[in-house]
Amino acid sequence: MTDYFAFTERMRESGKLVAGDALMPTESATTVRIRDGNTVTTDGPFAETKEQLGGYYLLECVDLDEAIELASQIPSAGWGSIEVRPIMVFDQ
């Protein structure tokens, strides 16, 4: 965890960190669906998968290249996968 704390602090100090949190394991999830006007809940994750989203960082990056560079510094990039995705902006 020390590596994660250090990365988070570097992002905070650089002004790039907008938000970020660790997530509980998928076993703690509750999936919510509306079917025929009724709310239906299911214990567990949305999809059966071996991979899990352990947390997220929302970083302010100038472009995809910078986002990839910062993502490569996240500690679990060395043994797992880091997905980089832009925020969707809606016209108001």
PDB file of N, CA and C in Angstrom:
ATOM      1  N   MET A   1       0.820  -1.202   0.000  1.00  0.00           N
ATOM      2  CA  MET A   1       0.000   0.000   0.000  1.00  0.00           C
ATOM      3  C   MET A   1       0.860   1.261   0.000  1.00  0.00           C
ATOM      4  N   THR A   2       2.072   1.154   0.484  1.00  0.00           N
ATOM      5  CA  THR A   2       2.960   2.309   0.518  1.00  0.00           C
ATOM      6  C   THR A   2       3.138   2.907  -0.872  1.00  0.00           C
ATOM      7  N   ASP A   3       3.269   2.046  -1.885  1.00  0.00           N
ATOM      8  CA  ASP A   3       3.418   2.528  -3.259  1.00  0.00           C
ATOM      9  C   ASP A   3       2.179   3.298  -3.709  1.00  0.00           C
ATOM     10  N   TYR A   4       1.006   2.817  -3.349  1.00  0.00           N
ATOM     11  CA  TYR A   4      -0.232   3.516  -3.717  1.00  0.00           C
ATOM     12  C   TYR A   4      -0.338   4.861  -3.006  1.00  0.00           C
ATOM     13  N   PHE A   5       0.002   4.884  -1.725  1.00  0.00           N
ATOM     14  CA  PHE A   5      -0.045   6.150  -0.989  1.00  0.00           C
ATOM     15  C   PHE A   5       0.909   7.161  -1.619  1.00  0.00           C
ATOM     16  N   ALA A   6       2.088   6.710  -2.020  1.00  0.00           N
ATOM     17  CA  ALA A   6       3.073   7.603  -2.646  1.00  0.00           C
ATOM     18  C   ALA A   6       2.562   8.126  -3.988  1.00  0.00           C
ATOM     19  N   PHE A   7       1.983   7.245  -4.822  1.00  0.00           N
ATOM     20  CA  PHE A   7       1.436   7.672  -6.114  1.00  0.00           C
ATOM     21  C   PHE A   7       0.323   8.693  -5.899  1.00  0.00           C
ATOM     22  N   THR A   8      -0.584   8.397  -4.976  1.00  0.00           N
ATOM     23  CA  THR A   8      -1.697   9.300  -4.700  1.00  0.00           C
ATOM     24  C   THR A   8      -1.194  10.666  -4.254  1.00  0.00           C
ATOM     25  N   GLU A   9      -0.202  10.670  -3.403  1.00  0.00           N
ATOM     26  CA  GLU A   9       0.353  11.935  -2.917  1.00  0.00           C
ATOM     27  C   GLU A   9       1.026  12.708  -4.047  1.00  0.00           C
ATOM     28  N   ARG A  10       1.736  12.022  -4.947  1.00  0.00           N
ATOM     29  CA  ARG A  10       2.350  12.702  -6.106  1.00  0.00           C
ATOM     30  C   ARG A  10       1.279  13.333  -6.988  1.00  0.00           C
ATOM     31  N   MET A  11       0.187  12.620  -7.207  1.00  0.00           N
ATOM     32  CA  MET A  11      -0.887  13.154  -8.037  1.00  0.00           C
ATOM     33  C   MET A  11      -1.566  14.341  -7.353  1.00  0.00           C
ATOM     34  N   ARG A  12      -1.743  14.252  -6.044  1.00  0.00           N
ATOM     35  CA  ARG A  12      -2.346  15.354  -5.289  1.00  0.00           C
ATOM     36  C   ARG A  12      -1.448  16.587  -5.371  1.00  0.00           C
ATOM     37  N   GLU A  13      -0.150  16.397  -5.117  1.00  0.00           N
ATOM     38  CA  GLU A  13       0.790  17.516  -5.147  1.00  0.00           C
ATOM     39  C   GLU A  13       0.915  18.145  -6.531  1.00  0.00           C
ATOM     40  N   SER A  14       0.774  17.339  -7.586  1.00  0.00           N
ATOM     41  CA  SER A  14       0.883  17.857  -8.953  1.00  0.00           C
ATOM     42  C   SER A  14      -0.379  18.591  -9.401  1.00  0.00           C
ATOM     43  N   GLY A  15      -1.464  18.462  -8.638  1.00  0.00           N
ATOM     44  CA  GLY A  15      -2.723  19.077  -9.005  1.00  0.00           C
ATOM     45  C   GLY A  15      -3.528  18.251 -10.003  1.00  0.00           C
ATOM     46  N   LYS A  16      -3.064  17.035 -10.313  1.00  0.00           N
ATOM     47  CA  LYS A  16      -3.743  16.168 -11.278  1.00  0.00           C
ATOM     48  C   LYS A  16      -4.902  15.391 -10.665  1.00  0.00           C
ATOM     49  N   LEU A  17      -4.860  15.139  -9.360  1.00  0.00           N
ATOM     50  CA  LEU A  17      -5.867  14.303  -8.707  1.00  0.00           C
ATOM     51  C   LEU A  17      -7.175  15.065  -8.550  1.00  0.00           C
ATOM     52  N   VAL A  18      -8.231  14.554  -9.176  1.00  0.00           N
ATOM     53  CA  VAL A  18      -9.571  15.103  -9.022  1.00  0.00           C
ATOM     54  C   VAL A  18     -10.320  14.304  -7.963  1.00  0.00           C
ATOM     55  N   ALA A  19     -10.221  12.961  -8.028  1.00  0.00           N
ATOM     56  CA  ALA A  19     -10.883  12.079  -7.074  1.00  0.00           C
ATOM     57  C   ALA A  19     -10.262  10.699  -7.183  1.00  0.00           C
ATOM     58  N   GLY A  20     -10.532   9.862  -6.219  1.00  0.00           N
ATOM     59  CA  GLY A  20     -10.070   8.482  -6.254  1.00  0.00           C
ATOM     60  C   GLY A  20     -10.429   7.774  -4.970  1.00  0.00           C
ATOM     61  N   ASP A  21     -10.747   6.506  -5.104  1.00  0.00           N
ATOM     62  CA  ASP A  21     -11.088   5.697  -3.942  1.00  0.00           C
ATOM     63  C   ASP A  21     -10.799   4.236  -4.234  1.00  0.00           C
ATOM     64  N   ALA A  22     -10.504   3.495  -3.194  1.00  0.00           N
ATOM     65  CA  ALA A  22     -10.427   2.041  -3.298  1.00  0.00           C
ATOM     66  C   ALA A  22     -11.847   1.504  -3.177  1.00  0.00           C
ATOM     67  N   LEU A  23     -12.099   0.359  -3.778  1.00  0.00           N
ATOM     68  CA  LEU A  23     -13.422  -0.247  -3.727  1.00  0.00           C
ATOM     69  C   LEU A  23     -13.361  -1.579  -2.987  1.00  0.00           C
ATOM     70  N   MET A  24     -14.439  -1.924  -2.324  1.00  0.00           N
ATOM     71  CA  MET A  24     -14.544  -3.214  -1.660  1.00  0.00           C
ATOM     72  C   MET A  24     -14.586  -4.304  -2.730  1.00  0.00           C
ATOM     73  N   PRO A  25     -14.279  -5.557  -2.382  1.00  0.00           N
ATOM     74  CA  PRO A  25     -14.317  -6.652  -3.360  1.00  0.00           C
ATOM     75  C   PRO A  25     -15.702  -6.825  -3.982  1.00  0.00           C
ATOM     76  N   THR A  26     -15.744  -7.471  -5.153  1.00  0.00           N
ATOM     77  CA  THR A  26     -17.011  -7.643  -5.871  1.00  0.00           C
ATOM     78  C   THR A  26     -18.053  -8.400  -5.058  1.00  0.00           C
ATOM     79  N   GLU A  27     -17.625  -9.231  -4.119  1.00  0.00           N
ATOM     80  CA  GLU A  27     -18.580  -9.966  -3.291  1.00  0.00           C
ATOM     81  C   GLU A  27     -19.465  -9.028  -2.480  1.00  0.00           C
ATOM     82  N   SER A  28     -19.016  -7.799  -2.257  1.00  0.00           N
ATOM     83  CA  SER A  28     -19.794  -6.842  -1.464  1.00  0.00           C
ATOM     84  C   SER A  28     -20.793  -6.067  -2.318  1.00  0.00           C
ATOM     85  N   ALA A  29     -20.784  -6.283  -3.628  1.00  0.00           N
ATOM     86  CA  ALA A  29     -21.637  -5.518  -4.544  1.00  0.00           C
ATOM     87  C   ALA A  29     -23.104  -5.926  -4.440  1.00  0.00           C
ATOM     88  N   THR A  30     -23.957  -4.983  -4.742  1.00  0.00           N
ATOM     89  CA  THR A  30     -25.376  -5.233  -4.962  1.00  0.00           C
ATOM     90  C   THR A  30     -25.698  -4.649  -6.326  1.00  0.00           C
ATOM     91  N   THR A  31     -26.262  -5.458  -7.206  1.00  0.00           N
ATOM     92  CA  THR A  31     -26.628  -5.019  -8.547  1.00  0.00           C
ATOM     93  C   THR A  31     -28.101  -4.646  -8.554  1.00  0.00           C
ATOM     94  N   VAL A  32     -28.415  -3.482  -9.125  1.00  0.00           N
ATOM     95  CA  VAL A  32     -29.784  -2.960  -9.143  1.00  0.00           C
ATOM     96  C   VAL A  32     -30.275  -2.901 -10.587  1.00  0.00           C
ATOM     97  N   ARG A  33     -31.465  -3.412 -10.811  1.00  0.00           N
ATOM     98  CA  ARG A  33     -32.107  -3.368 -12.128  1.00  0.00           C
ATOM     99  C   ARG A  33     -33.576  -2.992 -11.931  1.00  0.00           C
ATOM    100  N   ILE A  34     -34.146  -2.331 -12.933  1.00  0.00           N
ATOM    101  CA  ILE A  34     -35.584  -2.083 -12.948  1.00  0.00           C
ATOM    102  C   ILE A  34     -36.175  -3.002 -14.007  1.00  0.00           C
ATOM    103  N   ARG A  35     -37.100  -3.875 -13.629  1.00  0.00           N
ATOM    104  CA  ARG A  35     -37.754  -4.812 -14.543  1.00  0.00           C
ATOM    105  C   ARG A  35     -39.254  -4.710 -14.337  1.00  0.00           C
ATOM    106  N   ASP A  36     -39.976  -4.417 -15.411  1.00  0.00           N
ATOM    107  CA  ASP A  36     -41.430  -4.271 -15.355  1.00  0.00           C
ATOM    108  C   ASP A  36     -41.853  -3.278 -14.276  1.00  0.00           C
ATOM    109  N   GLY A  37     -41.076  -2.203 -14.125  1.00  0.00           N
ATOM    110  CA  GLY A  37     -41.403  -1.168 -13.152  1.00  0.00           C
ATOM    111  C   GLY A  37     -41.026  -1.491 -11.721  1.00  0.00           C
ATOM    112  N   ASN A  38     -40.430  -2.650 -11.482  1.00  0.00           N
ATOM    113  CA  ASN A  38     -40.033  -3.057 -10.133  1.00  0.00           C
ATOM    114  C   ASN A  38     -38.528  -3.002  -9.984  1.00  0.00           C
ATOM    115  N   THR A  39     -38.072  -2.584  -8.810  1.00  0.00           N
ATOM    116  CA  THR A  39     -36.657  -2.601  -8.497  1.00  0.00           C
ATOM    117  C   THR A  39     -36.262  -4.002  -8.065  1.00  0.00           C
ATOM    118  N   VAL A  40     -35.284  -4.567  -8.755  1.00  0.00           N
ATOM    119  CA  VAL A  40     -34.794  -5.911  -8.459  1.00  0.00           C
ATOM    120  C   VAL A  40     -33.328  -5.791  -8.061  1.00  0.00           C
ATOM    121  N   THR A  41     -32.969  -6.341  -6.919  1.00  0.00           N
ATOM    122  CA  THR A  41     -31.573  -6.314  -6.480  1.00  0.00           C
ATOM    123  C   THR A  41     -31.027  -7.737  -6.432  1.00  0.00           C
ATOM    124  N   THR A  42     -29.752  -7.842  -6.735  1.00  0.00           N
ATOM    125  CA  THR A  42     -29.058  -9.123  -6.695  1.00  0.00           C
ATOM    126  C   THR A  42     -27.761  -8.928  -5.922  1.00  0.00           C
ATOM    127  N   ASP A  43     -27.511  -9.797  -4.970  1.00  0.00           N
ATOM    128  CA  ASP A  43     -26.228  -9.741  -4.267  1.00  0.00           C
ATOM    129  C   ASP A  43     -25.138 -10.175  -5.217  1.00  0.00           C
ATOM    130  N   GLY A  44     -24.055  -9.440  -5.223  1.00  0.00           N
ATOM    131  CA  GLY A  44     -22.927  -9.797  -6.058  1.00  0.00           C
ATOM    132  C   GLY A  44     -22.752  -8.860  -7.240  1.00  0.00           C
ATOM    133  N   PRO A  45     -21.719  -9.113  -8.015  1.00  0.00           N
ATOM    134  CA  PRO A  45     -21.341  -8.189  -9.089  1.00  0.00           C
ATOM    135  C   PRO A  45     -22.265  -8.275 -10.293  1.00  0.00           C
ATOM    136  N   PHE A  46     -22.171  -7.282 -11.149  1.00  0.00           N
ATOM    137  CA  PHE A  46     -22.939  -7.195 -12.385  1.00  0.00           C
ATOM    138  C   PHE A  46     -22.609  -8.341 -13.321  1.00  0.00           C
ATOM    139  N   ALA A  47     -21.334  -8.708 -13.421  1.00  0.00           N
ATOM    140  CA  ALA A  47     -20.914  -9.762 -14.356  1.00  0.00           C
ATOM    141  C   ALA A  47     -19.965 -10.724 -13.657  1.00  0.00           C
ATOM    142  N   GLU A  48     -19.994 -11.959 -14.081  1.00  0.00           N
ATOM    143  CA  GLU A  48     -19.044 -12.948 -13.581  1.00  0.00           C
ATOM    144  C   GLU A  48     -17.709 -12.716 -14.287  1.00  0.00           C
ATOM    145  N   THR A  49     -16.680 -12.474 -13.538  1.00  0.00           N
ATOM    146  CA  THR A  49     -15.375 -12.204 -14.121  1.00  0.00           C
ATOM    147  C   THR A  49     -14.284 -12.530 -13.118  1.00  0.00           C
ATOM    148  N   LYS A  50     -13.113 -12.814 -13.611  1.00  0.00           N
ATOM    149  CA  LYS A  50     -11.972 -13.055 -12.731  1.00  0.00           C
ATOM    150  C   LYS A  50     -11.299 -11.745 -12.352  1.00  0.00           C
ATOM    151  N   GLU A  51     -11.471 -10.715 -13.184  1.00  0.00           N
ATOM    152  CA  GLU A  51     -10.872  -9.415 -12.911  1.00  0.00           C
ATOM    153  C   GLU A  51     -11.825  -8.574 -12.082  1.00  0.00           C
ATOM    154  N   GLN A  52     -11.259  -7.694 -11.279  1.00  0.00           N
ATOM    155  CA  GLN A  52     -12.059  -6.820 -10.443  1.00  0.00           C
ATOM    156  C   GLN A  52     -11.526  -5.404 -10.545  1.00  0.00           C
ATOM    157  N   LEU A  53     -12.432  -4.442 -10.441  1.00  0.00           N
ATOM    158  CA  LEU A  53     -12.041  -3.052 -10.336  1.00  0.00           C
ATOM    159  C   LEU A  53     -11.726  -2.799  -8.873  1.00  0.00           C
ATOM    160  N   GLY A  54     -10.453  -2.587  -8.572  1.00  0.00           N
ATOM    161  CA  GLY A  54     -10.036  -2.416  -7.182  1.00  0.00           C
ATOM    162  C   GLY A  54     -10.203  -1.000  -6.679  1.00  0.00           C
ATOM    163  N   GLY A  55     -10.296  -0.067  -7.595  1.00  0.00           N
ATOM    164  CA  GLY A  55     -10.442   1.335  -7.232  1.00  0.00           C
ATOM    165  C   GLY A  55     -10.305   2.176  -8.483  1.00  0.00           C
ATOM    166  N   TYR A  56     -10.288   3.474  -8.297  1.00  0.00           N
ATOM    167  CA  TYR A  56     -10.148   4.346  -9.451  1.00  0.00           C
ATOM    168  C   TYR A  56      -9.418   5.625  -9.064  1.00  0.00           C
ATOM    169  N   TYR A  57      -8.800   6.213 -10.059  1.00  0.00           N
ATOM    170  CA  TYR A  57      -8.253   7.558  -9.960  1.00  0.00           C
ATOM    171  C   TYR A  57      -8.908   8.377 -11.051  1.00  0.00           C
ATOM    172  N   LEU A  58      -9.382   9.552 -10.727  1.00  0.00           N
ATOM    173  CA  LEU A  58      -9.858  10.515 -11.709  1.00  0.00           C
ATOM    174  C   LEU A  58      -8.805  11.610 -11.762  1.00  0.00           C
ATOM    175  N   LEU A  59      -8.070  11.641 -12.877  1.00  0.00           N
ATOM    176  CA  LEU A  59      -6.961  12.573 -13.031  1.00  0.00           C
ATOM    177  C   LEU A  59      -7.247  13.562 -14.144  1.00  0.00           C
ATOM    178  N   GLU A  60      -6.816  14.788 -13.962  1.00  0.00           N
ATOM    179  CA  GLU A  60      -6.938  15.824 -14.979  1.00  0.00           C
ATOM    180  C   GLU A  60      -5.694  15.770 -15.844  1.00  0.00           C
ATOM    181  N   CYS A  61      -5.840  15.280 -17.074  1.00  0.00           N
ATOM    182  CA  CYS A  61      -4.716  15.109 -17.994  1.00  0.00           C
ATOM    183  C   CYS A  61      -4.939  15.955 -19.236  1.00  0.00           C
ATOM    184  N   VAL A  62      -3.850  16.428 -19.846  1.00  0.00           N
ATOM    185  CA  VAL A  62      -3.981  17.263 -21.037  1.00  0.00           C
ATOM    186  C   VAL A  62      -4.345  16.455 -22.269  1.00  0.00           C
ATOM    187  N   ASP A  63      -3.952  15.171 -22.290  1.00  0.00           N
ATOM    188  CA  ASP A  63      -4.258  14.321 -23.446  1.00  0.00           C
ATOM    189  C   ASP A  63      -4.069  12.856 -23.066  1.00  0.00           C
ATOM    190  N   LEU A  64      -4.349  11.982 -24.025  1.00  0.00           N
ATOM    191  CA  LEU A  64      -4.236  10.538 -23.781  1.00  0.00           C
ATOM    192  C   LEU A  64      -2.806  10.141 -23.449  1.00  0.00           C
ATOM    193  N   ASP A  65      -1.842  10.759 -24.089  1.00  0.00           N
ATOM    194  CA  ASP A  65      -0.443  10.417 -23.810  1.00  0.00           C
ATOM    195  C   ASP A  65      -0.091  10.653 -22.344  1.00  0.00           C
ATOM    196  N   GLU A  66      -0.524  11.776 -21.798  1.00  0.00           N
ATOM    197  CA  GLU A  66      -0.259  12.038 -20.385  1.00  0.00           C
ATOM    198  C   GLU A  66      -1.012  11.046 -19.505  1.00  0.00           C
ATOM    199  N   ALA A  67      -2.246  10.714 -19.862  1.00  0.00           N
ATOM    200  CA  ALA A  67      -3.028   9.757 -19.082  1.00  0.00           C
ATOM    201  C   ALA A  67      -2.333   8.396 -19.053  1.00  0.00           C
ATOM    202  N   ILE A  68      -1.794   7.969 -20.191  1.00  0.00           N
ATOM    203  CA  ILE A  68      -1.078   6.690 -20.251  1.00  0.00           C
ATOM    204  C   ILE A  68       0.191   6.748 -19.414  1.00  0.00           C
ATOM    205  N   GLU A  69       0.906   7.849 -19.487  1.00  0.00           N
ATOM    206  CA  GLU A  69       2.134   8.000 -18.693  1.00  0.00           C
ATOM    207  C   GLU A  69       1.820   7.898 -17.200  1.00  0.00           C
ATOM    208  N   LEU A  70       0.778   8.588 -16.753  1.00  0.00           N
ATOM    209  CA  LEU A  70       0.412   8.536 -15.330  1.00  0.00           C
ATOM    210  C   LEU A  70      -0.116   7.162 -14.949  1.00  0.00           C
ATOM    211  N   ALA A  71      -0.902   6.550 -15.812  1.00  0.00           N
ATOM    212  CA  ALA A  71      -1.426   5.210 -15.530  1.00  0.00           C
ATOM    213  C   ALA A  71      -0.300   4.198 -15.388  1.00  0.00           C
ATOM    214  N   SER A  72       0.763   4.376 -16.142  1.00  0.00           N
ATOM    215  CA  SER A  72       1.890   3.444 -16.058  1.00  0.00           C
ATOM    216  C   SER A  72       2.603   3.522 -14.719  1.00  0.00           C
ATOM    217  N   GLN A  73       2.353   4.583 -13.958  1.00  0.00           N
ATOM    218  CA  GLN A  73       2.979   4.746 -12.642  1.00  0.00           C
ATOM    219  C   GLN A  73       2.142   4.138 -11.513  1.00  0.00           C
ATOM    220  N   ILE A  74       0.928   3.728 -11.802  1.00  0.00           N
ATOM    221  CA  ILE A  74       0.087   3.102 -10.775  1.00  0.00           C
ATOM    222  C   ILE A  74       0.697   1.742 -10.440  1.00  0.00           C
ATOM    223  N   PRO A  75       0.928   1.459  -9.170  1.00  0.00           N
ATOM    224  CA  PRO A  75       1.670   0.251  -8.793  1.00  0.00           C
ATOM    225  C   PRO A  75       1.185  -1.050  -9.417  1.00  0.00           C
ATOM    226  N   SER A  76      -0.115  -1.276  -9.503  1.00  0.00           N
ATOM    227  CA  SER A  76      -0.592  -2.556 -10.020  1.00  0.00           C
ATOM    228  C   SER A  76      -0.455  -2.688 -11.533  1.00  0.00           C
ATOM    229  N   ALA A  77       0.021  -1.668 -12.224  1.00  0.00           N
ATOM    230  CA  ALA A  77       0.285  -1.796 -13.664  1.00  0.00           C
ATOM    231  C   ALA A  77       1.352  -2.862 -13.912  1.00  0.00           C
ATOM    232  N   GLY A  78       2.186  -3.138 -12.913  1.00  0.00           N
ATOM    233  CA  GLY A  78       3.249  -4.128 -13.034  1.00  0.00           C
ATOM    234  C   GLY A  78       2.767  -5.571 -13.008  1.00  0.00           C
ATOM    235  N   TRP A  79       1.557  -5.824 -12.485  1.00  0.00           N
ATOM    236  CA  TRP A  79       1.063  -7.206 -12.436  1.00  0.00           C
ATOM    237  C   TRP A  79      -0.397  -7.319 -12.890  1.00  0.00           C
ATOM    238  N   GLY A  80      -1.073  -6.202 -13.019  1.00  0.00           N
ATOM    239  CA  GLY A  80      -2.473  -6.227 -13.438  1.00  0.00           C
ATOM    240  C   GLY A  80      -2.673  -5.355 -14.658  1.00  0.00           C
ATOM    241  N   SER A  81      -3.841  -4.790 -14.774  1.00  0.00           N
ATOM    242  CA  SER A  81      -4.189  -3.931 -15.904  1.00  0.00           C
ATOM    243  C   SER A  81      -4.752  -2.614 -15.390  1.00  0.00           C
ATOM    244  N   ILE A  82      -4.427  -1.556 -16.085  1.00  0.00           N
ATOM    245  CA  ILE A  82      -4.967  -0.234 -15.785  1.00  0.00           C
ATOM    246  C   ILE A  82      -5.755   0.209 -17.013  1.00  0.00           C
ATOM    247  N   GLU A  83      -7.023   0.485 -16.840  1.00  0.00           N
ATOM    248  CA  GLU A  83      -7.852   0.961 -17.948  1.00  0.00           C
ATOM    249  C   GLU A  83      -7.901   2.479 -17.904  1.00  0.00           C
ATOM    250  N   VAL A  84      -7.610   3.106 -19.025  1.00  0.00           N
ATOM    251  CA  VAL A  84      -7.669   4.562 -19.147  1.00  0.00           C
ATOM    252  C   VAL A  84      -8.904   4.891 -19.970  1.00  0.00           C
ATOM    253  N   ARG A  85      -9.724   5.785 -19.435  1.00  0.00           N
ATOM    254  CA  ARG A  85     -10.972   6.101 -20.117  1.00  0.00           C
ATOM    255  C   ARG A  85     -11.312   7.574 -19.870  1.00  0.00           C
ATOM    256  N   PRO A  86     -11.715   8.300 -20.912  1.00  0.00           N
ATOM    257  CA  PRO A  86     -12.105   9.707 -20.693  1.00  0.00           C
ATOM    258  C   PRO A  86     -13.492   9.809 -20.068  1.00  0.00           C
ATOM    259  N   ILE A  87     -13.735  10.946 -19.464  1.00  0.00           N
ATOM    260  CA  ILE A  87     -15.049  11.253 -18.911  1.00  0.00           C
ATOM    261  C   ILE A  87     -15.957  11.693 -20.061  1.00  0.00           C
ATOM    262  N   MET A  88     -17.189  11.223 -20.071  1.00  0.00           N
ATOM    263  CA  MET A  88     -18.143  11.627 -21.100  1.00  0.00           C
ATOM    264  C   MET A  88     -18.723  12.989 -20.721  1.00  0.00           C
ATOM    265  N   VAL A  89     -18.711  13.903 -21.661  1.00  0.00           N
ATOM    266  CA  VAL A  89     -19.250  15.240 -21.444  1.00  0.00           C
ATOM    267  C   VAL A  89     -20.543  15.355 -22.245  1.00  0.00           C
ATOM    268  N   PHE A  90     -21.610  15.792 -21.590  1.00  0.00           N
ATOM    269  CA  PHE A  90     -22.914  15.958 -22.230  1.00  0.00           C
ATOM    270  C   PHE A  90     -23.177  17.430 -22.488  1.00  0.00           C
ATOM    271  N   ASP A  91     -23.767  17.723 -23.634  1.00  0.00           N
ATOM    272  CA  ASP A  91     -24.212  19.086 -23.908  1.00  0.00           C
ATOM    273  C   ASP A  91     -25.370  19.397 -22.986  1.00  0.00           C
ATOM    274  N   GLN A  92     -25.412  20.639 -22.491  1.00  0.00           N
ATOM    275  CA  GLN A  92     -26.488  20.996 -21.566  1.00  0.00           C
ATOM    276  C   GLN A  92     -27.487  21.897 -22.210  1.00  0.00           C
TER     277      GLN A  92
END
